């Protein structure tokens, strides 16, 4: 298991489009990919779960990857979030 904290820098947070982009990136990996925010846990492979977390710009989440390709998944997820998830 690997985990890392990262700040969401999208101007409007994780609304539908960036949430979809986050999920599309997460689905590429076998590992379980989740994130915690304000005490709750969201499945990064589920758009509804990501949207339900109500993450806004400037909020810090903790990504957690667990599985065979966890290191690779973490690098890709951090890169995707840092680059703005297509926005």
PDB file of N, CA and C in Angstrom:
ATOM      1  N   UNK A   1       0.844  -1.183   0.000  1.00  0.00           N
ATOM      2  CA  UNK A   1       0.000   0.000   0.000  1.00  0.00           C
ATOM      3  C   UNK A   1       0.890   1.249   0.000  1.00  0.00           C
ATOM      4  N   UNK A   2       0.544   2.200  -0.857  1.00  0.00           N
ATOM      5  CA  UNK A   2       1.242   3.492  -0.883  1.00  0.00           C
ATOM      6  C   UNK A   2       0.197   4.593  -0.757  1.00  0.00           C
ATOM      7  N   UNK A   3       0.584   5.681  -0.097  1.00  0.00           N
ATOM      8  CA  UNK A   3      -0.344   6.811   0.027  1.00  0.00           C
ATOM      9  C   UNK A   3       0.431   8.113  -0.117  1.00  0.00           C
ATOM     10  N   UNK A   4      -0.284   9.126  -0.566  1.00  0.00           N
ATOM     11  CA  UNK A   4       0.330  10.440  -0.750  1.00  0.00           C
ATOM     12  C   UNK A   4      -0.751  11.508  -0.690  1.00  0.00           C
ATOM     13  N   UNK A   5      -0.425  12.608  -0.024  1.00  0.00           N
ATOM     14  CA  UNK A   5      -1.354  13.743   0.028  1.00  0.00           C
ATOM     15  C   UNK A   5      -1.082  14.645  -1.162  1.00  0.00           C
ATOM     16  N   UNK A   6      -2.166  15.175  -1.728  1.00  0.00           N
ATOM     17  CA  UNK A   6      -2.050  16.070  -2.880  1.00  0.00           C
ATOM     18  C   UNK A   6      -3.189  17.087  -2.828  1.00  0.00           C
ATOM     19  N   UNK A   7      -2.901  18.292  -3.281  1.00  0.00           N
ATOM     20  CA  UNK A   7      -3.900  19.358  -3.293  1.00  0.00           C
ATOM     21  C   UNK A   7      -4.540  19.443  -4.672  1.00  0.00           C
ATOM     22  N   UNK A   8      -5.858  19.550  -4.680  1.00  0.00           N
ATOM     23  CA  UNK A   8      -6.618  19.686  -5.934  1.00  0.00           C
ATOM     24  C   UNK A   8      -6.482  21.127  -6.412  1.00  0.00           C
ATOM     25  N   UNK A   9      -5.995  21.292  -7.652  1.00  0.00           N
ATOM     26  CA  UNK A   9      -5.768  22.651  -8.163  1.00  0.00           C
ATOM     27  C   UNK A   9      -6.737  23.056  -9.269  1.00  0.00           C
ATOM     28  N   UNK A  10      -7.725  22.237  -9.559  1.00  0.00           N
ATOM     29  CA  UNK A  10      -8.731  22.609 -10.557  1.00  0.00           C
ATOM     30  C   UNK A  10      -9.557  23.776 -10.036  1.00  0.00           C
ATOM     31  N   UNK A  11      -9.791  24.800 -10.859  1.00  0.00           N
ATOM     32  CA  UNK A  11     -10.549  25.975 -10.398  1.00  0.00           C
ATOM     33  C   UNK A  11     -11.911  25.638  -9.805  1.00  0.00           C
ATOM     34  N   UNK A  12     -12.584  24.630 -10.348  1.00  0.00           N
ATOM     35  CA  UNK A  12     -13.913  24.279  -9.835  1.00  0.00           C
ATOM     36  C   UNK A  12     -13.925  22.941  -9.109  1.00  0.00           C
ATOM     37  N   UNK A  13     -12.761  22.455  -8.682  1.00  0.00           N
ATOM     38  CA  UNK A  13     -12.701  21.210  -7.914  1.00  0.00           C
ATOM     39  C   UNK A  13     -12.970  19.989  -8.777  1.00  0.00           C
ATOM     40  N   UNK A  14     -13.399  18.920  -8.123  1.00  0.00           N
ATOM     41  CA  UNK A  14     -13.670  17.677  -8.855  1.00  0.00           C
ATOM     42  C   UNK A  14     -15.139  17.606  -9.268  1.00  0.00           C
ATOM     43  N   UNK A  15     -15.515  18.460 -10.222  1.00  0.00           N
ATOM     44  CA  UNK A  15     -16.864  18.377 -10.782  1.00  0.00           C
ATOM     45  C   UNK A  15     -16.873  17.286 -11.852  1.00  0.00           C
ATOM     46  N   UNK A  16     -17.916  17.166 -12.625  1.00  0.00           N
ATOM     47  CA  UNK A  16     -18.122  16.002 -13.492  1.00  0.00           C
ATOM     48  C   UNK A  16     -16.981  15.696 -14.465  1.00  0.00           C
ATOM     49  N   UNK A  17     -16.515  16.669 -15.216  1.00  0.00           N
ATOM     50  CA  UNK A  17     -15.475  16.387 -16.219  1.00  0.00           C
ATOM     51  C   UNK A  17     -14.158  15.918 -15.584  1.00  0.00           C
ATOM     52  N   UNK A  18     -13.589  16.667 -14.616  1.00  0.00           N
ATOM     53  CA  UNK A  18     -12.350  16.182 -14.021  1.00  0.00           C
ATOM     54  C   UNK A  18     -12.542  14.891 -13.211  1.00  0.00           C
ATOM     55  N   UNK A  19     -13.719  14.707 -12.634  1.00  0.00           N
ATOM     56  CA  UNK A  19     -13.985  13.456 -11.914  1.00  0.00           C
ATOM     57  C   UNK A  19     -13.968  12.293 -12.895  1.00  0.00           C
ATOM     58  N   UNK A  20     -14.551  12.485 -14.071  1.00  0.00           N
ATOM     59  CA  UNK A  20     -14.527  11.457 -15.117  1.00  0.00           C
ATOM     60  C   UNK A  20     -13.118  11.162 -15.585  1.00  0.00           C
ATOM     61  N   UNK A  21     -12.313  12.220 -15.738  1.00  0.00           N
ATOM     62  CA  UNK A  21     -10.918  12.033 -16.157  1.00  0.00           C
ATOM     63  C   UNK A  21     -10.126  11.286 -15.092  1.00  0.00           C
ATOM     64  N   UNK A  22     -10.380  11.598 -13.819  1.00  0.00           N
ATOM     65  CA  UNK A  22      -9.718  10.903 -12.718  1.00  0.00           C
ATOM     66  C   UNK A  22     -10.074   9.413 -12.743  1.00  0.00           C
ATOM     67  N   UNK A  23     -11.348   9.119 -12.924  1.00  0.00           N
ATOM     68  CA  UNK A  23     -11.806   7.729 -12.977  1.00  0.00           C
ATOM     69  C   UNK A  23     -11.212   6.993 -14.176  1.00  0.00           C
ATOM     70  N   UNK A  24     -11.176   7.638 -15.331  1.00  0.00           N
ATOM     71  CA  UNK A  24     -10.612   7.007 -16.524  1.00  0.00           C
ATOM     72  C   UNK A  24      -9.145   6.648 -16.319  1.00  0.00           C
ATOM     73  N   UNK A  25      -8.410   7.481 -15.584  1.00  0.00           N
ATOM     74  CA  UNK A  25      -7.004   7.184 -15.284  1.00  0.00           C
ATOM     75  C   UNK A  25      -6.916   6.022 -14.290  1.00  0.00           C
ATOM     76  N   UNK A  26      -7.753   6.045 -13.262  1.00  0.00           N
ATOM     77  CA  UNK A  26      -7.714   5.010 -12.218  1.00  0.00           C
ATOM     78  C   UNK A  26      -8.077   3.627 -12.768  1.00  0.00           C
ATOM     79  N   UNK A  27      -9.001   3.583 -13.716  1.00  0.00           N
ATOM     80  CA  UNK A  27      -9.477   2.317 -14.268  1.00  0.00           C
ATOM     81  C   UNK A  27      -8.369   1.554 -15.005  1.00  0.00           C
ATOM     82  N   UNK A  28      -7.333   2.252 -15.421  1.00  0.00           N
ATOM     83  CA  UNK A  28      -6.235   1.619 -16.156  1.00  0.00           C
ATOM     84  C   UNK A  28      -5.405   0.671 -15.289  1.00  0.00           C
ATOM     85  N   UNK A  29      -5.590   0.724 -13.965  1.00  0.00           N
ATOM     86  CA  UNK A  29      -4.743  -0.045 -13.060  1.00  0.00           C
ATOM     87  C   UNK A  29      -5.549  -1.080 -12.288  1.00  0.00           C
ATOM     88  N   UNK A  30      -4.878  -2.197 -11.954  1.00  0.00           N
ATOM     89  CA  UNK A  30      -5.511  -3.278 -11.200  1.00  0.00           C
ATOM     90  C   UNK A  30      -5.703  -2.900  -9.735  1.00  0.00           C
ATOM     91  N   UNK A  31      -4.823  -2.065  -9.223  1.00  0.00           N
ATOM     92  CA  UNK A  31      -4.846  -1.706  -7.805  1.00  0.00           C
ATOM     93  C   UNK A  31      -6.152  -1.042  -7.399  1.00  0.00           C
ATOM     94  N   UNK A  32      -6.492  -1.219  -6.125  1.00  0.00           N
ATOM     95  CA  UNK A  32      -7.595  -0.485  -5.535  1.00  0.00           C
ATOM     96  C   UNK A  32      -7.095   0.940  -5.320  1.00  0.00           C
ATOM     97  N   UNK A  33      -7.786   1.922  -5.864  1.00  0.00           N
ATOM     98  CA  UNK A  33      -7.366   3.317  -5.754  1.00  0.00           C
ATOM     99  C   UNK A  33      -8.488   4.100  -5.088  1.00  0.00           C
ATOM    100  N   UNK A  34      -8.185   4.618  -3.917  1.00  0.00           N
ATOM    101  CA  UNK A  34      -9.165   5.394  -3.162  1.00  0.00           C
ATOM    102  C   UNK A  34      -8.521   6.704  -2.721  1.00  0.00           C
ATOM    103  N   UNK A  35      -9.349   7.616  -2.219  1.00  0.00           N
ATOM    104  CA  UNK A  35      -8.805   8.804  -1.564  1.00  0.00           C
ATOM    105  C   UNK A  35      -9.681   9.166  -0.388  1.00  0.00           C
ATOM    106  N   UNK A  36      -9.049   9.737   0.617  1.00  0.00           N
ATOM    107  CA  UNK A  36      -9.791  10.186   1.788  1.00  0.00           C
ATOM    108  C   UNK A  36      -9.844  11.706   1.780  1.00  0.00           C
ATOM    109  N   UNK A  37     -10.996  12.208   2.210  1.00  0.00           N
ATOM    110  CA  UNK A  37     -11.213  13.652   2.279  1.00  0.00           C
ATOM    111  C   UNK A  37     -12.237  13.915   3.368  1.00  0.00           C
ATOM    112  N   UNK A  38     -11.868  14.747   4.319  1.00  0.00           N
ATOM    113  CA  UNK A  38     -12.749  15.100   5.442  1.00  0.00           C
ATOM    114  C   UNK A  38     -13.339  13.867   6.115  1.00  0.00           C
ATOM    115  N   UNK A  39     -12.516  12.868   6.354  1.00  0.00           N
ATOM    116  CA  UNK A  39     -12.955  11.687   7.089  1.00  0.00           C
ATOM    117  C   UNK A  39     -13.673  10.638   6.259  1.00  0.00           C
ATOM    118  N   UNK A  40     -14.012  10.959   5.017  1.00  0.00           N
ATOM    119  CA  UNK A  40     -14.699  10.001   4.158  1.00  0.00           C
ATOM    120  C   UNK A  40     -13.733   9.391   3.163  1.00  0.00           C
ATOM    121  N   UNK A  41     -14.098   8.247   2.620  1.00  0.00           N
ATOM    122  CA  UNK A  41     -13.270   7.571   1.622  1.00  0.00           C
ATOM    123  C   UNK A  41     -14.063   7.438   0.332  1.00  0.00           C
ATOM    124  N   UNK A  42     -13.413   7.761  -0.790  1.00  0.00           N
ATOM    125  CA  UNK A  42     -14.055   7.661  -2.101  1.00  0.00           C
ATOM    126  C   UNK A  42     -13.269   6.703  -2.983  1.00  0.00           C
ATOM    127  N   UNK A  43     -13.988   5.940  -3.788  1.00  0.00           N
ATOM    128  CA  UNK A  43     -13.377   5.034  -4.760  1.00  0.00           C
ATOM    129  C   UNK A  43     -13.052   5.850  -6.014  1.00  0.00           C
ATOM    130  N   UNK A  44     -11.766   5.955  -6.350  1.00  0.00           N
ATOM    131  CA  UNK A  44     -11.354   6.771  -7.499  1.00  0.00           C
ATOM    132  C   UNK A  44     -11.791   6.179  -8.834  1.00  0.00           C
ATOM    133  N   UNK A  45     -12.285   4.943  -8.840  1.00  0.00           N
ATOM    134  CA  UNK A  45     -12.751   4.318 -10.076  1.00  0.00           C
ATOM    135  C   UNK A  45     -14.257   4.513 -10.290  1.00  0.00           C
ATOM    136  N   UNK A  46     -14.907   5.229  -9.381  1.00  0.00           N
ATOM    137  CA  UNK A  46     -16.346   5.467  -9.467  1.00  0.00           C
ATOM    138  C   UNK A  46     -16.625   6.969  -9.551  1.00  0.00           C
ATOM    139  N   UNK A  47     -17.196   7.407 -10.665  1.00  0.00           N
ATOM    140  CA  UNK A  47     -17.503   8.831 -10.843  1.00  0.00           C
ATOM    141  C   UNK A  47     -18.440   9.313  -9.743  1.00  0.00           C
ATOM    142  N   UNK A  48     -19.451   8.538  -9.407  1.00  0.00           N
ATOM    143  CA  UNK A  48     -20.403   8.954  -8.379  1.00  0.00           C
ATOM    144  C   UNK A  48     -19.725   9.085  -7.017  1.00  0.00           C
ATOM    145  N   UNK A  49     -18.813   8.188  -6.723  1.00  0.00           N
ATOM    146  CA  UNK A  49     -18.082   8.247  -5.462  1.00  0.00           C
ATOM    147  C   UNK A  49     -17.205   9.496  -5.403  1.00  0.00           C
ATOM    148  N   UNK A  50     -16.520   9.795  -6.508  1.00  0.00           N
ATOM    149  CA  UNK A  50     -15.655  10.985  -6.573  1.00  0.00           C
ATOM    150  C   UNK A  50     -16.497  12.250  -6.444  1.00  0.00           C
ATOM    151  N   UNK A  51     -17.600  12.325  -7.166  1.00  0.00           N
ATOM    152  CA  UNK A  51     -18.475  13.501  -7.090  1.00  0.00           C
ATOM    153  C   UNK A  51     -19.056  13.664  -5.686  1.00  0.00           C
ATOM    154  N   UNK A  52     -19.392  12.538  -5.056  1.00  0.00           N
ATOM    155  CA  UNK A  52     -19.983  12.557  -3.718  1.00  0.00           C
ATOM    156  C   UNK A  52     -19.047  13.092  -2.649  1.00  0.00           C
ATOM    157  N   UNK A  53     -17.744  13.081  -2.919  1.00  0.00           N
ATOM    158  CA  UNK A  53     -16.774  13.589  -1.940  1.00  0.00           C
ATOM    159  C   UNK A  53     -16.803  15.110  -1.856  1.00  0.00           C
ATOM    160  N   UNK A  54     -17.356  15.785  -2.874  1.00  0.00           N
ATOM    161  CA  UNK A  54     -17.480  17.249  -2.908  1.00  0.00           C
ATOM    162  C   UNK A  54     -16.142  17.954  -2.663  1.00  0.00           C
ATOM    163  N   UNK A  55     -15.122  17.547  -3.418  1.00  0.00           N
ATOM    164  CA  UNK A  55     -13.789  18.138  -3.284  1.00  0.00           C
ATOM    165  C   UNK A  55     -13.724  19.427  -4.099  1.00  0.00           C
ATOM    166  N   UNK A  56     -13.271  20.494  -3.458  1.00  0.00           N
ATOM    167  CA  UNK A  56     -13.195  21.804  -4.106  1.00  0.00           C
ATOM    168  C   UNK A  56     -11.740  22.203  -4.353  1.00  0.00           C
ATOM    169  N   UNK A  57     -11.550  23.255  -5.103  1.00  0.00           N
ATOM    170  CA  UNK A  57     -10.213  23.773  -5.395  1.00  0.00           C
ATOM    171  C   UNK A  57      -9.497  24.135  -4.094  1.00  0.00           C
ATOM    172  N   UNK A  58      -8.253  23.695  -3.981  1.00  0.00           N
ATOM    173  CA  UNK A  58      -7.457  23.979  -2.797  1.00  0.00           C
ATOM    174  C   UNK A  58      -7.570  22.937  -1.704  1.00  0.00           C
ATOM    175  N   UNK A  59      -8.519  22.003  -1.849  1.00  0.00           N
ATOM    176  CA  UNK A  59      -8.674  20.946  -0.847  1.00  0.00           C
ATOM    177  C   UNK A  59      -7.561  19.919  -0.993  1.00  0.00           C
ATOM    178  N   UNK A  60      -7.139  19.353   0.139  1.00  0.00           N
ATOM    179  CA  UNK A  60      -6.103  18.322   0.125  1.00  0.00           C
ATOM    180  C   UNK A  60      -6.752  16.957   0.326  1.00  0.00           C
ATOM    181  N   UNK A  61      -6.411  16.025  -0.549  1.00  0.00           N
ATOM    182  CA  UNK A  61      -6.897  14.651  -0.416  1.00  0.00           C
ATOM    183  C   UNK A  61      -5.691  13.747  -0.180  1.00  0.00           C
ATOM    184  N   UNK A  62      -5.943  12.566   0.355  1.00  0.00           N
ATOM    185  CA  UNK A  62      -4.881  11.578   0.506  1.00  0.00           C
ATOM    186  C   UNK A  62      -5.209  10.387  -0.398  1.00  0.00           C
ATOM    187  N   UNK A  63      -4.411  10.234  -1.444  1.00  0.00           N
ATOM    188  CA  UNK A  63      -4.570   9.113  -2.366  1.00  0.00           C
ATOM    189  C   UNK A  63      -3.994   7.855  -1.748  1.00  0.00           C
ATOM    190  N   UNK A  64      -4.673   6.720  -1.927  1.00  0.00           N
ATOM    191  CA  UNK A  64      -4.177   5.436  -1.441  1.00  0.00           C
ATOM    192  C   UNK A  64      -4.304   4.420  -2.571  1.00  0.00           C
ATOM    193  N   UNK A  65      -3.194   3.766  -2.895  1.00  0.00           N
ATOM    194  CA  UNK A  65      -3.190   2.716  -3.919  1.00  0.00           C
ATOM    195  C   UNK A  65      -2.731   1.415  -3.270  1.00  0.00           C
ATOM    196  N   UNK A  66      -3.496   0.344  -3.515  1.00  0.00           N
ATOM    197  CA  UNK A  66      -3.209  -0.955  -2.920  1.00  0.00           C
ATOM    198  C   UNK A  66      -3.329  -2.030  -3.988  1.00  0.00           C
ATOM    199  N   UNK A  67      -2.232  -2.717  -4.285  1.00  0.00           N
ATOM    200  CA  UNK A  67      -2.307  -3.801  -5.258  1.00  0.00           C
ATOM    201  C   UNK A  67      -1.006  -4.018  -5.990  1.00  0.00           C
ATOM    202  N   UNK A  68      -1.063  -4.859  -7.010  1.00  0.00           N
ATOM    203  CA  UNK A  68       0.125  -5.289  -7.745  1.00  0.00           C
ATOM    204  C   UNK A  68       0.858  -4.140  -8.426  1.00  0.00           C
ATOM    205  N   UNK A  69       0.122  -3.182  -8.959  1.00  0.00           N
ATOM    206  CA  UNK A  69       0.748  -2.069  -9.689  1.00  0.00           C
ATOM    207  C   UNK A  69       0.590  -0.740  -8.945  1.00  0.00           C
ATOM    208  N   UNK A  70       0.614  -0.794  -7.610  1.00  0.00           N
ATOM    209  CA  UNK A  70       0.330   0.388  -6.792  1.00  0.00           C
ATOM    210  C   UNK A  70       1.292   1.557  -7.020  1.00  0.00           C
ATOM    211  N   UNK A  71       2.579   1.267  -7.177  1.00  0.00           N
ATOM    212  CA  UNK A  71       3.560   2.343  -7.385  1.00  0.00           C
ATOM    213  C   UNK A  71       3.300   3.079  -8.707  1.00  0.00           C
ATOM    214  N   UNK A  72       3.096   2.296  -9.750  1.00  0.00           N
ATOM    215  CA  UNK A  72       2.818   2.860 -11.078  1.00  0.00           C
ATOM    216  C   UNK A  72       1.509   3.652 -11.064  1.00  0.00           C
ATOM    217  N   UNK A  73       0.498   3.094 -10.395  1.00  0.00           N
ATOM    218  CA  UNK A  73      -0.803   3.762 -10.300  1.00  0.00           C
ATOM    219  C   UNK A  73      -0.682   5.087  -9.563  1.00  0.00           C
ATOM    220  N   UNK A  74       0.067   5.101  -8.466  1.00  0.00           N
ATOM    221  CA  UNK A  74       0.235   6.332  -7.686  1.00  0.00           C
ATOM    222  C   UNK A  74       0.902   7.423  -8.526  1.00  0.00           C
ATOM    223  N   UNK A  75       1.961   7.066  -9.237  1.00  0.00           N
ATOM    224  CA  UNK A  75       2.658   8.050 -10.080  1.00  0.00           C
ATOM    225  C   UNK A  75       1.706   8.641 -11.116  1.00  0.00           C
ATOM    226  N   UNK A  76       0.921   7.784 -11.759  1.00  0.00           N
ATOM    227  CA  UNK A  76      -0.003   8.239 -12.802  1.00  0.00           C
ATOM    228  C   UNK A  76      -1.108   9.126 -12.226  1.00  0.00           C
ATOM    229  N   UNK A  77      -1.632   8.755 -11.066  1.00  0.00           N
ATOM    230  CA  UNK A  77      -2.708   9.532 -10.455  1.00  0.00           C
ATOM    231  C   UNK A  77      -2.204  10.907 -10.008  1.00  0.00           C
ATOM    232  N   UNK A  78      -1.021  10.949  -9.400  1.00  0.00           N
ATOM    233  CA  UNK A  78      -0.449  12.223  -8.962  1.00  0.00           C
ATOM    234  C   UNK A  78      -0.180  13.119 -10.167  1.00  0.00           C
ATOM    235  N   UNK A  79       0.336  12.524 -11.240  1.00  0.00           N
ATOM    236  CA  UNK A  79       0.609  13.295 -12.458  1.00  0.00           C
ATOM    237  C   UNK A  79      -0.692  13.862 -13.041  1.00  0.00           C
ATOM    238  N   UNK A  80      -1.728  13.032 -13.095  1.00  0.00           N
ATOM    239  CA  UNK A  80      -3.022  13.468 -13.649  1.00  0.00           C
ATOM    240  C   UNK A  80      -3.622  14.609 -12.821  1.00  0.00           C
ATOM    241  N   UNK A  81      -3.587  14.473 -11.505  1.00  0.00           N
ATOM    242  CA  UNK A  81      -4.156  15.509 -10.637  1.00  0.00           C
ATOM    243  C   UNK A  81      -3.333  16.791 -10.721  1.00  0.00           C
ATOM    244  N   UNK A  82      -2.014  16.656 -10.714  1.00  0.00           N
ATOM    245  CA  UNK A  82      -1.132  17.820 -10.780  1.00  0.00           C
ATOM    246  C   UNK A  82      -1.291  18.589 -12.085  1.00  0.00           C
ATOM    247  N   UNK A  83      -1.601  17.867 -13.167  1.00  0.00           N
ATOM    248  CA  UNK A  83      -1.746  18.516 -14.473  1.00  0.00           C
ATOM    249  C   UNK A  83      -3.139  19.133 -14.667  1.00  0.00           C
ATOM    250  N   UNK A  84      -4.021  18.991 -13.685  1.00  0.00           N
ATOM    251  CA  UNK A  84      -5.322  19.647 -13.744  1.00  0.00           C
ATOM    252  C   UNK A  84      -6.456  18.797 -14.267  1.00  0.00           C
ATOM    253  N   UNK A  85      -6.221  17.512 -14.512  1.00  0.00           N
ATOM    254  CA  UNK A  85      -7.271  16.593 -14.967  1.00  0.00           C
ATOM    255  C   UNK A  85      -8.010  17.098 -16.199  1.00  0.00           C
ATOM    256  N   UNK A  86      -7.242  17.636 -17.144  1.00  0.00           N
ATOM    257  CA  UNK A  86      -7.817  18.044 -18.421  1.00  0.00           C
ATOM    258  C   UNK A  86      -8.422  19.435 -18.441  1.00  0.00           C
ATOM    259  N   UNK A  87      -8.227  20.201 -17.399  1.00  0.00           N
ATOM    260  CA  UNK A  87      -8.810  21.564 -17.376  1.00  0.00           C
ATOM    261  C   UNK A  87      -7.739  22.602 -17.492  1.00  0.00           C
TER     262      UNK A  87
END
